[in-house]
N, C-alpha and C. Protein backbone atom coordinates (compact mmCIF):
# COMPACT_ATOMS: atom_id res chain seq x y z
N UNK A 1 -109.79 116.05 109.68
CA UNK A 1 -110.57 115.58 109.10
C UNK A 1 -112.09 115.97 108.95
N UNK A 2 -112.30 115.50 107.54
CA UNK A 2 -113.68 116.43 107.61
C UNK A 2 -114.93 115.41 107.88
N UNK A 3 -114.51 114.14 107.97
CA UNK A 3 -115.77 112.95 108.01
C UNK A 3 -116.02 112.52 109.38
N UNK A 4 -115.22 113.21 110.35
CA UNK A 4 -115.26 112.45 111.75
C UNK A 4 -116.42 112.87 112.34
N UNK A 5 -117.54 114.11 112.07
CA UNK A 5 -118.71 114.02 112.39
C UNK A 5 -119.32 113.50 111.12
N UNK A 6 -120.71 113.34 111.82
CA UNK A 6 -121.83 113.28 110.77
C UNK A 6 -122.51 114.17 109.87
N UNK A 7 -122.78 114.08 108.99
CA UNK A 7 -123.14 115.10 107.91
C UNK A 7 -124.46 115.35 108.01
N UNK A 8 -125.34 114.33 108.44
CA UNK A 8 -126.52 114.84 108.69
C UNK A 8 -127.15 114.45 110.21
N UNK A 9 -128.45 114.70 110.54
CA UNK A 9 -128.17 114.58 112.14
C UNK A 9 -128.88 113.59 112.32
N UNK A 10 -128.24 112.99 113.49
CA UNK A 10 -127.66 111.81 114.14
C UNK A 10 -129.22 111.34 114.36
N UNK A 11 -130.52 111.89 114.80
CA UNK A 11 -131.71 111.39 114.99
C UNK A 11 -132.68 110.79 113.77
N UNK A 12 -131.67 111.22 112.22
CA UNK A 12 -132.31 111.00 110.84
C UNK A 12 -131.83 110.10 110.47
N UNK A 13 -130.60 109.42 110.97
CA UNK A 13 -129.56 108.20 110.47
C UNK A 13 -130.28 107.06 111.47
N UNK A 14 -129.96 106.00 110.72
CA UNK A 14 -130.07 104.58 111.51
C UNK A 14 -128.79 104.00 111.86
N UNK A 15 -129.10 103.30 113.14
CA UNK A 15 -128.01 102.61 113.76
C UNK A 15 -127.13 101.79 112.86
N UNK A 16 -127.22 101.43 111.33
CA UNK A 16 -126.17 100.80 110.84
C UNK A 16 -125.38 101.73 110.45
N UNK A 17 -126.39 103.24 109.67
CA UNK A 17 -125.60 103.99 109.36
C UNK A 17 -124.77 104.39 109.91
N UNK A 18 -125.08 104.74 111.16
CA UNK A 18 -123.91 105.21 112.20
C UNK A 18 -122.81 104.51 112.90
N UNK A 19 -123.36 103.27 112.90
CA UNK A 19 -121.91 102.27 112.90
C UNK A 19 -120.94 102.02 111.31
N UNK A 20 -121.57 102.31 110.50
CA UNK A 20 -120.93 102.13 109.24
C UNK A 20 -119.57 103.29 109.34
N UNK A 21 -120.66 104.33 109.77
CA UNK A 21 -119.48 105.83 109.64
C UNK A 21 -118.12 105.59 111.09
N UNK A 22 -118.83 104.94 111.97
CA UNK A 22 -117.77 104.99 113.35
C UNK A 22 -116.98 103.87 112.61
N UNK A 23 -117.08 102.90 111.77
CA UNK A 23 -115.86 101.50 111.56
C UNK A 23 -115.25 102.21 109.87
N UNK A 24 -116.20 103.49 109.26
CA UNK A 24 -114.82 104.06 108.40
C UNK A 24 -114.24 105.33 108.57
N UNK A 25 -114.91 105.89 109.92
CA UNK A 25 -114.06 106.69 110.27
C UNK A 25 -113.09 106.00 110.78
N UNK A 26 -113.14 105.34 111.59
CA UNK A 26 -111.51 104.43 112.52
C UNK A 26 -110.81 103.81 111.46
N UNK A 27 -111.20 103.28 110.13
CA UNK A 27 -110.31 102.69 109.15
C UNK A 27 -109.51 103.93 108.81
N UNK A 28 -110.32 105.04 108.79
CA UNK A 28 -109.23 105.78 108.01
C UNK A 28 -107.84 106.55 108.80
N UNK A 29 -108.69 106.41 110.38
CA UNK A 29 -107.67 106.99 111.12
C UNK A 29 -106.77 106.04 111.36
N UNK A 30 -107.07 104.77 111.11
CA UNK A 30 -106.29 104.00 111.36
C UNK A 30 -104.79 103.69 109.84
N UNK A 31 -105.55 104.12 108.82
CA UNK A 31 -104.67 104.22 107.65
C UNK A 31 -104.00 105.22 107.82
N UNK A 32 -104.14 106.67 108.64
CA UNK A 32 -103.70 107.75 108.85
C UNK A 32 -102.43 107.35 110.00
N UNK A 33 -102.36 106.67 111.00
CA UNK A 33 -101.60 106.19 111.38
C UNK A 33 -100.25 105.43 111.16
N UNK A 34 -101.16 104.65 110.05
CA UNK A 34 -99.64 104.04 109.39
C UNK A 34 -98.63 105.04 108.83
N UNK A 35 -99.24 105.65 107.86
CA UNK A 35 -98.87 106.48 107.41
C UNK A 35 -97.63 107.40 108.33
N UNK A 36 -98.30 108.02 109.54
CA UNK A 36 -97.64 108.86 110.75
C UNK A 36 -96.48 107.76 110.72
N UNK A 37 -96.51 106.67 111.37
CA UNK A 37 -95.29 105.88 111.73
C UNK A 37 -94.49 105.59 110.84
N UNK A 38 -94.89 105.23 109.32
CA UNK A 38 -93.81 104.89 108.65
C UNK A 38 -92.88 106.55 108.36
N UNK A 39 -93.69 107.25 108.37
CA UNK A 39 -92.76 108.19 108.01
C UNK A 39 -91.66 108.68 109.37
N UNK A 40 -92.65 108.61 110.56
CA UNK A 40 -91.84 108.73 111.81
C UNK A 40 -90.39 107.76 111.32
N UNK A 41 -90.56 106.56 111.24
CA UNK A 41 -89.67 105.29 111.10
C UNK A 41 -88.64 105.61 110.23
N UNK A 42 -89.06 106.32 108.96
CA UNK A 42 -88.25 106.21 107.84
C UNK A 42 -87.24 107.50 108.21
N UNK A 43 -87.75 108.17 109.24
CA UNK A 43 -86.87 109.62 109.48
C UNK A 43 -86.14 109.44 110.48
N UNK A 44 -86.20 108.61 111.08
CA UNK A 44 -85.28 108.32 112.37
C UNK A 44 -84.12 107.63 112.43
N UNK A 45 -83.13 108.44 112.92
CA UNK A 45 -81.89 107.71 113.22
C UNK A 45 -81.30 106.21 114.37
N UNK A 46 -82.14 106.68 115.15
CA UNK A 46 -82.18 105.81 116.40
C UNK A 46 -82.54 104.43 115.88
N UNK A 47 -81.90 103.33 115.53
CA UNK A 47 -82.17 101.88 115.11
C UNK A 47 -83.16 101.34 115.82
N UNK A 48 -83.29 101.68 117.45
CA UNK A 48 -84.03 100.92 118.66
C UNK A 48 -85.58 101.67 118.55
N UNK A 49 -85.13 103.05 118.34
CA UNK A 49 -86.67 103.48 118.43
C UNK A 49 -87.36 103.36 116.67
N UNK A 50 -86.29 103.08 115.86
CA UNK A 50 -87.07 102.94 114.22
C UNK A 50 -87.48 101.45 114.45
N UNK A 51 -87.17 100.48 115.15
CA UNK A 51 -88.04 99.28 115.42
C UNK A 51 -88.95 99.32 116.45
N UNK A 52 -89.26 100.11 117.05
CA UNK A 52 -90.50 100.31 117.72
C UNK A 52 -91.61 100.95 116.77
N UNK A 53 -90.94 101.92 116.30
CA UNK A 53 -92.14 102.52 115.18
C UNK A 53 -92.38 101.41 114.22
N UNK A 54 -91.76 100.76 113.46
CA UNK A 54 -91.97 99.85 112.81
C UNK A 54 -93.05 99.06 113.33
N UNK A 55 -92.63 98.48 114.67
CA UNK A 55 -93.92 97.75 115.30
C UNK A 55 -95.11 98.28 115.52
N UNK A 56 -95.31 99.50 115.86
CA UNK A 56 -96.24 100.28 115.65
C UNK A 56 -97.05 100.04 114.60
N UNK A 57 -96.28 100.98 113.59
CA UNK A 57 -96.95 100.75 112.10
C UNK A 57 -97.97 99.54 111.79
N UNK A 58 -96.98 98.50 111.93
CA UNK A 58 -97.61 97.10 111.96
C UNK A 58 -98.93 96.95 112.51
N UNK A 59 -99.05 97.16 113.49
CA UNK A 59 -100.02 96.86 114.75
C UNK A 59 -101.12 97.97 113.84
N UNK A 60 -100.97 99.19 113.53
CA UNK A 60 -102.18 99.98 112.96
C UNK A 60 -102.48 99.34 111.68
N UNK A 61 -101.73 98.56 110.76
CA UNK A 61 -101.95 97.88 109.67
C UNK A 61 -103.42 96.59 110.37
N UNK A 62 -102.90 95.88 111.35
CA UNK A 62 -103.56 95.06 111.55
C UNK A 62 -104.98 95.42 111.94
N UNK A 63 -105.18 97.00 113.00
CA UNK A 63 -105.88 97.29 112.87
C UNK A 63 -107.34 97.87 111.90
N UNK A 64 -106.14 98.37 110.68
CA UNK A 64 -107.10 98.86 109.79
C UNK A 64 -107.72 97.36 109.23
N UNK A 65 -107.20 96.46 108.72
CA UNK A 65 -107.70 95.08 107.98
C UNK A 65 -108.74 94.90 108.88
N UNK A 66 -108.50 94.70 110.44
CA UNK A 66 -109.89 94.68 111.17
C UNK A 66 -111.00 95.00 110.56
N UNK A 67 -111.04 96.67 110.79
CA UNK A 67 -112.05 97.68 110.74
C UNK A 67 -112.72 97.30 108.66
N UNK A 68 -111.44 97.05 108.12
CA UNK A 68 -112.16 97.00 106.75
C UNK A 68 -112.94 95.22 106.52
N UNK A 69 -112.75 94.33 107.32
CA UNK A 69 -113.30 92.86 107.63
C UNK A 69 -114.73 93.41 108.11
N UNK A 70 -114.47 93.87 109.28
CA UNK A 70 -116.03 94.47 109.89
C UNK A 70 -116.66 94.63 108.48
N UNK A 71 -116.15 95.92 108.02
CA UNK A 71 -117.09 96.78 106.93
C UNK A 71 -118.01 95.63 105.92
N UNK A 72 -116.60 94.85 105.68
CA UNK A 72 -117.17 93.88 104.35
C UNK A 72 -118.09 93.12 104.80
N UNK A 73 -117.87 92.57 106.20
CA UNK A 73 -118.94 91.62 106.59
C UNK A 73 -120.57 92.07 106.47
N UNK A 74 -120.55 93.88 106.76
CA UNK A 74 -121.39 94.21 106.63
C UNK A 74 -122.24 95.01 105.60
N UNK A 75 -121.47 95.25 104.08
CA UNK A 75 -122.11 95.90 103.35
C UNK A 75 -121.78 95.10 102.01
N UNK A 76 -123.06 94.83 101.52
CA UNK A 76 -122.95 93.59 100.58
C UNK A 76 -121.70 94.48 99.00
N UNK A 77 -121.99 95.49 99.31
CA UNK A 77 -121.24 96.40 98.25
C UNK A 77 -119.82 96.46 98.12
N UNK A 78 -119.75 96.76 99.43
CA UNK A 78 -117.97 96.58 99.87
C UNK A 78 -117.56 95.05 99.81
N UNK A 79 -118.19 93.89 100.16
CA UNK A 79 -117.80 92.67 100.00
C UNK A 79 -117.66 92.35 98.54
N UNK A 80 -118.47 93.05 97.63
CA UNK A 80 -118.41 92.40 96.03
C UNK A 80 -117.27 93.44 95.40
N UNK A 81 -117.01 94.75 95.75
CA UNK A 81 -116.19 95.31 95.36
C UNK A 81 -114.57 94.98 95.86
N UNK A 82 -114.40 94.35 97.21
CA UNK A 82 -113.13 93.60 97.50
C UNK A 82 -112.97 92.53 96.92
N UNK A 83 -114.07 91.51 96.78
CA UNK A 83 -113.89 90.12 96.14
C UNK A 83 -113.52 90.68 94.68
N UNK A 84 -113.52 91.51 94.14
CA UNK A 84 -113.48 92.05 93.00
C UNK A 84 -111.92 92.32 92.62
N UNK A 85 -111.88 93.29 93.34
CA UNK A 85 -110.19 93.89 92.94
C UNK A 85 -109.07 93.39 93.99
N UNK A 86 -109.23 92.73 94.99
CA UNK A 86 -108.41 92.49 95.88
C UNK A 86 -107.58 90.95 95.61
N UNK A 87 -106.41 90.66 95.62
CA UNK A 87 -105.58 89.71 95.05
C UNK A 87 -106.14 89.42 93.61
N UNK A 88 -106.76 90.39 92.82
CA UNK A 88 -106.71 89.95 91.44
C UNK A 88 -105.04 90.23 90.58
N UNK A 89 -105.33 89.62 89.34
CA UNK A 89 -103.96 89.55 88.66
C UNK A 89 -103.77 90.74 87.55
N UNK A 90 -102.83 91.17 87.29
CA UNK A 90 -102.92 92.00 85.89
C UNK A 90 -103.25 93.59 86.52
N UNK A 91 -103.42 94.13 85.55
CA UNK A 91 -103.04 95.67 86.03
C UNK A 91 -104.37 96.20 86.58
N UNK A 92 -104.56 96.93 87.92
CA UNK A 92 -105.59 97.29 88.27
C UNK A 92 -106.82 97.69 87.93
N UNK A 93 -106.09 98.69 87.00
CA UNK A 93 -107.45 99.57 86.08
C UNK A 93 -107.94 98.98 85.13
N UNK A 94 -107.56 97.85 84.80
CA UNK A 94 -108.47 96.67 83.74
C UNK A 94 -109.40 96.18 84.53
N UNK A 95 -109.31 95.66 85.62
CA UNK A 95 -110.05 94.84 86.35
C UNK A 95 -111.47 94.73 86.34
N UNK A 96 -111.99 96.29 86.26
CA UNK A 96 -113.21 96.43 85.93
C UNK A 96 -114.14 96.31 84.72
N UNK A 97 -113.45 96.41 83.77
CA UNK A 97 -113.87 96.13 82.30
C UNK A 97 -113.62 94.63 82.05
N UNK A 98 -112.50 93.97 82.31
CA UNK A 98 -112.88 92.47 82.46
C UNK A 98 -113.80 91.89 83.11
N UNK A 99 -114.02 92.34 84.40
CA UNK A 99 -115.30 92.15 85.37
C UNK A 99 -116.60 91.96 84.53
N UNK A 100 -116.86 93.09 83.98
CA UNK A 100 -117.76 93.61 83.02
C UNK A 100 -117.93 93.19 81.78
N UNK A 101 -117.08 92.72 81.22
CA UNK A 101 -116.90 91.82 79.96
C UNK A 101 -117.80 90.35 80.11
N UNK A 102 -117.33 89.99 81.52
CA UNK A 102 -117.43 88.36 81.73
C UNK A 102 -118.92 88.09 81.77
N UNK A 103 -119.09 89.59 82.75
CA UNK A 103 -120.36 89.20 82.90
C UNK A 103 -121.37 89.48 81.81
N UNK A 104 -121.19 90.30 80.69
CA UNK A 104 -121.73 90.52 79.96
C UNK A 104 -121.97 89.55 78.95
N UNK A 105 -121.07 88.43 78.84
CA UNK A 105 -120.90 87.29 78.10
C UNK A 105 -121.68 85.76 78.99
N UNK A 106 -122.16 86.37 80.31
CA UNK A 106 -122.79 85.39 81.15
C UNK A 106 -122.05 84.25 82.17
N UNK A 107 -120.75 84.56 81.92
CA UNK A 107 -119.97 84.03 82.81
C UNK A 107 -119.64 85.22 84.11
N UNK A 108 -118.58 84.01 85.06
CA UNK A 108 -118.14 84.30 86.21
C UNK A 108 -117.01 84.88 85.94
N UNK A 109 -116.99 85.97 86.47
CA UNK A 109 -115.50 86.90 86.57
C UNK A 109 -114.27 86.13 87.24
N UNK A 110 -113.10 85.82 86.94
CA UNK A 110 -112.24 85.40 86.87
C UNK A 110 -111.70 86.01 88.18
N UNK A 111 -112.23 87.09 88.57
CA UNK A 111 -111.35 88.11 89.62
C UNK A 111 -112.05 87.59 90.82
N UNK A 112 -113.60 87.44 90.68
CA UNK A 112 -114.55 88.06 91.80
C UNK A 112 -113.99 86.32 92.87
N UNK A 113 -114.18 85.87 94.23
CA UNK A 113 -114.22 85.02 94.99
C UNK A 113 -115.09 84.43 95.41
N UNK A 114 -115.18 83.74 95.95
CA UNK A 114 -116.55 82.98 96.91
C UNK A 114 -116.41 83.31 97.93
N UNK A 115 -117.34 83.68 98.54
CA UNK A 115 -117.35 83.92 100.38
C UNK A 115 -116.75 82.81 100.88
N UNK A 116 -115.61 83.17 102.00
CA UNK A 116 -115.21 82.04 102.62
C UNK A 116 -116.41 81.72 103.84
N UNK A 117 -115.70 80.79 104.78
CA UNK A 117 -116.69 79.99 105.31
C UNK A 117 -117.19 81.10 106.84
N UNK A 118 -116.03 82.05 106.60
CA UNK A 118 -116.70 83.23 107.85
C UNK A 118 -117.61 84.07 107.26
N UNK A 119 -117.23 84.71 106.42
CA UNK A 119 -117.97 85.63 105.08
C UNK A 119 -119.59 84.90 105.13
N UNK A 120 -119.70 83.43 104.84
CA UNK A 120 -121.00 82.78 104.67
C UNK A 120 -122.21 82.85 106.06
N UNK A 121 -121.50 82.55 107.21
CA UNK A 121 -122.15 82.57 108.54
C UNK A 121 -122.38 83.82 108.96
N UNK A 122 -121.05 85.19 108.45
CA UNK A 122 -121.61 86.09 109.20
C UNK A 122 -123.05 86.85 108.29
N UNK A 123 -123.22 88.22 109.08
CA UNK A 123 -124.39 88.91 108.39
C UNK A 123 -123.88 89.48 107.43
N UNK A 124 -125.06 90.07 106.31
CA UNK A 124 -124.72 90.77 105.46
C UNK A 124 -124.51 92.13 105.13
N UNK A 125 -125.57 92.70 106.62
CA UNK A 125 -126.36 93.73 106.89
C UNK A 125 -126.26 93.63 108.35
N UNK A 126 -126.18 94.94 109.06
CA UNK A 126 -126.23 95.30 110.57
C UNK A 126 -127.64 94.84 110.75
N UNK A 127 -127.78 93.81 111.82
CA UNK A 127 -129.29 93.63 112.24
C UNK A 127 -129.28 94.61 113.17
N UNK A 128 -130.41 94.38 114.33
CA UNK A 128 -130.96 95.10 115.27
C UNK A 128 -130.13 94.08 116.48
N UNK A 129 -130.22 93.19 116.40
CA UNK A 129 -129.60 92.28 117.10
C UNK A 129 -127.96 92.51 116.88
N UNK A 130 -127.13 93.01 116.07
CA UNK A 130 -125.92 92.99 115.75
C UNK A 130 -125.46 94.31 116.45
N UNK A 131 -126.37 95.68 116.62
CA UNK A 131 -125.88 96.58 116.67
C UNK A 131 -126.24 96.87 118.36
N UNK A 132 -126.68 95.72 119.08
CA UNK A 132 -127.11 95.73 120.40
C UNK A 132 -125.48 95.71 121.48
N UNK A 133 -124.80 95.12 120.83
CA UNK A 133 -123.20 95.06 121.41
C UNK A 133 -122.34 95.01 120.82
N UNK A 134 -121.19 95.88 120.36
CA UNK A 134 -120.39 95.69 119.41
C UNK A 134 -118.80 95.04 119.87
N UNK A 135 -118.95 94.75 120.58
CA UNK A 135 -118.01 93.64 121.63
C UNK A 135 -118.33 92.32 121.92
N UNK A 136 -118.08 91.51 122.08
CA UNK A 136 -118.35 89.76 122.79
C UNK A 136 -117.76 90.25 124.28
N UNK A 137 -118.40 89.30 124.89
CA UNK A 137 -117.81 88.89 126.08
C UNK A 137 -116.48 89.19 126.88
N UNK A 138 -115.27 88.71 125.61
CA UNK A 138 -114.07 88.68 125.45
C UNK A 138 -113.37 90.00 125.48
N UNK A 139 -114.31 90.97 124.86
CA UNK A 139 -113.64 91.89 124.39
C UNK A 139 -113.43 92.14 123.30
N UNK A 140 -113.72 91.46 122.16
CA UNK A 140 -113.29 91.42 120.75
C UNK A 140 -114.25 91.49 120.10
N UNK A 141 -114.14 92.17 118.85
CA UNK A 141 -114.94 92.62 117.77
C UNK A 141 -115.86 91.25 117.16
N UNK A 142 -115.40 90.28 117.38
CA UNK A 142 -115.78 89.00 116.81
C UNK A 142 -115.54 89.45 114.95
N UNK A 143 -114.04 89.71 114.78
CA UNK A 143 -113.97 89.73 113.37
C UNK A 143 -112.67 88.92 113.23
N UNK A 144 -112.50 88.06 114.45
CA UNK A 144 -111.63 87.11 113.97
C UNK A 144 -109.85 87.26 113.77
N UNK A 145 -109.57 86.88 114.04
CA UNK A 145 -107.79 86.94 113.84
C UNK A 145 -107.52 87.05 112.76
N UNK A 146 -106.61 88.03 112.21
CA UNK A 146 -106.00 87.66 111.04
C UNK A 146 -104.84 87.26 110.45
N UNK A 147 -103.88 86.56 112.05
CA UNK A 147 -102.84 86.09 111.73
C UNK A 147 -102.91 84.72 111.36
N UNK A 148 -104.15 84.07 111.56
CA UNK A 148 -104.42 82.77 110.96
C UNK A 148 -104.66 82.59 109.48
N UNK A 149 -104.76 83.87 108.48
CA UNK A 149 -105.30 83.67 107.10
C UNK A 149 -103.75 83.94 106.45
């Protein structure tokens, strides 16, 4: 993969940028794993192994979603785009035009969603305190459970 390593010298990059890079690379890796497990499961002729492969694929989807949520909480630009495009109705390629038209008319776009309770209390960018530890004492990334959503 071309983006596993940094494209600029590490000493010229902030911790925020390096952490964003780590999360983006992790997201790509998780999505690649979803693809690999999907292909393996589809080609598999043993029903028990196929069930294991599908289970593994679903775990990778969960990991990808957790990475995406971490990115959303730390990047206002990613947060804004996800609120625009995720769960929107109608043709995907028409969403941007509808949002821009609504903004030009001084209206709130119907596809834009308000931040949920977790997003309102979460940092919108990585702070120095957020980079001092990547996990809580429980080993969690403090992203929260995706199963309760």
